[in-house]
Amino acid sequence: QVQLVESGGGLVHAGESLRLSCAASGSVFSGNDMGWYRQLPGKRRELVALITSAGRTNYVDSVTVRFTISRDNAENTVYLHLQMNSLKHEDTAVYYCRAPGVPEAQWGQGTQVTVSS
């Protein structure tokens, strides 16, 4: 069984930091790319950061330099993190983790990040 559980969101002021975590349960995740997505109010879900199984990273322009994605592969679980620094009001969204190559994994509940300006 595969499962994605996000945590770490909250309410912060602009300029502050948050660290999001995701527990991806299932051995299938260790060999797959994984990403953090976000859904802004009234917008479609977008990929903001991706990390390959080999550890290479890629970011959408709006978060480059400010966000850092990382992963820890444990037995049957991948722990995915997103360190978010210098947060801006426009980063307010629900954040989700996902492995694009594992479509059978249902979206988790996400974690709400709210940045007050």
Protein backbone atom coordinates (compact mmCIF):
# COMPACT_ATOMS: atom_id res chain seq x y z
CA GLN A 1 0.00 0.00 0.00
CA VAL A 2 1.32 3.45 -0.89
CA GLN A 3 0.52 6.54 1.10
CA LEU A 4 1.61 10.17 1.20
CA VAL A 5 1.33 12.21 4.40
CA GLU A 6 2.40 15.85 4.53
CA SER A 7 3.11 17.93 7.62
CA GLY A 8 4.85 21.07 8.80
CA GLY A 9 2.67 23.84 7.45
CA GLY A 10 1.52 26.81 9.48
CA LEU A 11 1.05 30.55 9.71
CA VAL A 12 4.17 32.70 9.45
CA HIS A 13 5.08 36.29 8.65
CA ALA A 14 6.72 37.30 5.40
CA GLY A 15 10.46 36.69 5.53
CA GLU A 16 10.22 33.78 7.94
CA SER A 17 10.90 30.10 7.26
CA LEU A 18 9.09 26.77 7.38
CA ARG A 19 10.17 23.19 6.83
CA LEU A 20 7.65 20.83 5.30
CA SER A 21 7.91 17.07 5.55
CA CYS A 22 6.30 14.20 3.70
CA ALA A 23 6.30 10.53 4.56
CA ALA A 24 5.89 8.46 1.41
CA SER A 25 5.14 4.90 2.49
CA GLY A 26 5.81 2.14 0.01
CA SER A 27 8.96 0.67 -1.44
CA VAL A 28 8.09 1.99 -4.90
CA PHE A 29 9.02 5.55 -3.95
CA SER A 30 12.73 4.99 -3.39
CA GLY A 31 13.48 4.59 -7.09
CA ASN A 32 11.25 7.43 -8.25
CA ASP A 33 11.53 11.17 -8.64
CA MET A 34 9.55 13.05 -6.03
CA GLY A 35 8.20 16.54 -5.93
CA TRP A 36 6.48 19.20 -3.92
CA TYR A 37 3.41 20.74 -5.47
CA ARG A 38 1.25 23.61 -4.31
CA GLN A 39 -2.21 24.84 -5.02
CA LEU A 40 -2.86 28.52 -4.59
CA PRO A 41 -6.41 29.69 -3.94
CA GLY A 42 -8.36 29.55 -7.20
CA LYS A 43 -5.41 28.16 -9.15
CA ARG A 44 -4.36 24.80 -10.53
CA ARG A 45 -1.88 22.65 -8.65
CA GLU A 46 1.69 23.32 -9.76
CA LEU A 47 5.02 21.58 -9.30
CA VAL A 48 7.46 23.80 -7.43
CA ALA A 49 10.38 21.51 -6.67
CA LEU A 50 11.55 18.11 -7.90
CA ILE A 51 14.25 15.75 -6.72
CA THR A 52 15.30 12.72 -8.70
CA SER A 53 16.06 9.34 -7.19
CA ALA A 54 19.74 10.26 -7.64
CA GLY A 55 19.33 13.52 -5.74
CA ARG A 56 19.33 16.05 -8.57
CA THR A 57 17.00 18.97 -7.94
CA ASN A 58 15.00 21.39 -10.01
CA TYR A 59 12.83 24.35 -9.02
CA VAL A 60 10.27 26.65 -10.51
CA ASP A 61 11.75 30.13 -10.99
CA SER A 62 9.60 31.74 -8.30
CA VAL A 63 11.13 29.63 -5.51
CA THR A 64 14.70 29.12 -6.74
CA VAL A 65 17.26 30.07 -4.08
CA ARG A 66 14.55 30.38 -1.39
CA PHE A 67 13.37 26.73 -1.30
CA THR A 68 15.44 23.56 -0.92
CA ILE A 69 14.09 20.06 -1.53
CA SER A 70 15.73 17.02 0.01
CA ARG A 71 14.97 13.35 0.56
CA ASP A 72 15.93 10.52 2.87
CA ASN A 73 15.37 6.98 1.63
CA ALA A 74 14.57 4.59 4.44
CA GLU A 75 13.30 1.04 4.22
CA ASN A 76 9.83 1.18 2.63
CA THR A 77 9.51 4.92 3.26
CA VAL A 78 10.91 8.02 1.63
CA TYR A 79 11.00 11.16 3.74
CA LEU A 80 10.75 14.24 1.58
CA HIS A 81 11.44 17.73 2.91
CA LEU A 82 11.03 21.26 1.66
CA GLN A 83 12.95 23.98 3.45
CA MET A 84 11.26 27.28 2.65
CA ASN A 85 13.12 30.48 3.49
CA SER A 86 12.28 34.14 2.91
CA LEU A 87 8.62 33.26 2.54
CA LYS A 88 6.39 35.65 0.65
CA HIS A 89 2.67 36.23 0.81
CA GLU A 90 2.36 34.70 -2.65
CA ASP A 91 3.72 31.41 -1.28
CA THR A 92 0.43 30.97 0.58
CA ALA A 93 -1.00 27.66 -0.63
CA VAL A 94 -1.71 24.06 0.25
CA TYR A 95 1.45 22.04 -0.33
CA TYR A 96 1.45 18.40 -1.44
CA CYS A 97 4.10 15.81 -2.11
CA ARG A 98 3.88 13.43 -5.03
CA ALA A 99 5.87 10.99 -7.10
CA PRO A 100 4.98 11.67 -10.75
CA GLY A 101 5.91 8.13 -11.71
CA VAL A 102 3.60 6.56 -9.13
CA PRO A 103 0.10 7.50 -10.34
CA GLU A 104 -1.54 4.92 -8.12
CA ALA A 105 -0.58 6.94 -5.04
CA GLN A 106 -3.51 9.12 -4.09
CA TRP A 107 -2.87 12.75 -3.28
CA GLY A 108 -2.45 13.30 0.46
CA GLN A 109 -4.37 15.84 2.46
CA GLY A 110 -1.69 18.45 1.96
CA THR A 111 -0.41 20.95 4.48
CA GLN A 112 -1.53 24.57 4.57
CA VAL A 113 1.09 27.31 4.44
CA THR A 114 -0.13 30.81 5.14
CA VAL A 115 2.24 33.77 4.90
CA SER A 116 0.99 37.07 6.25
CA SER A 117 2.34 40.18 4.58
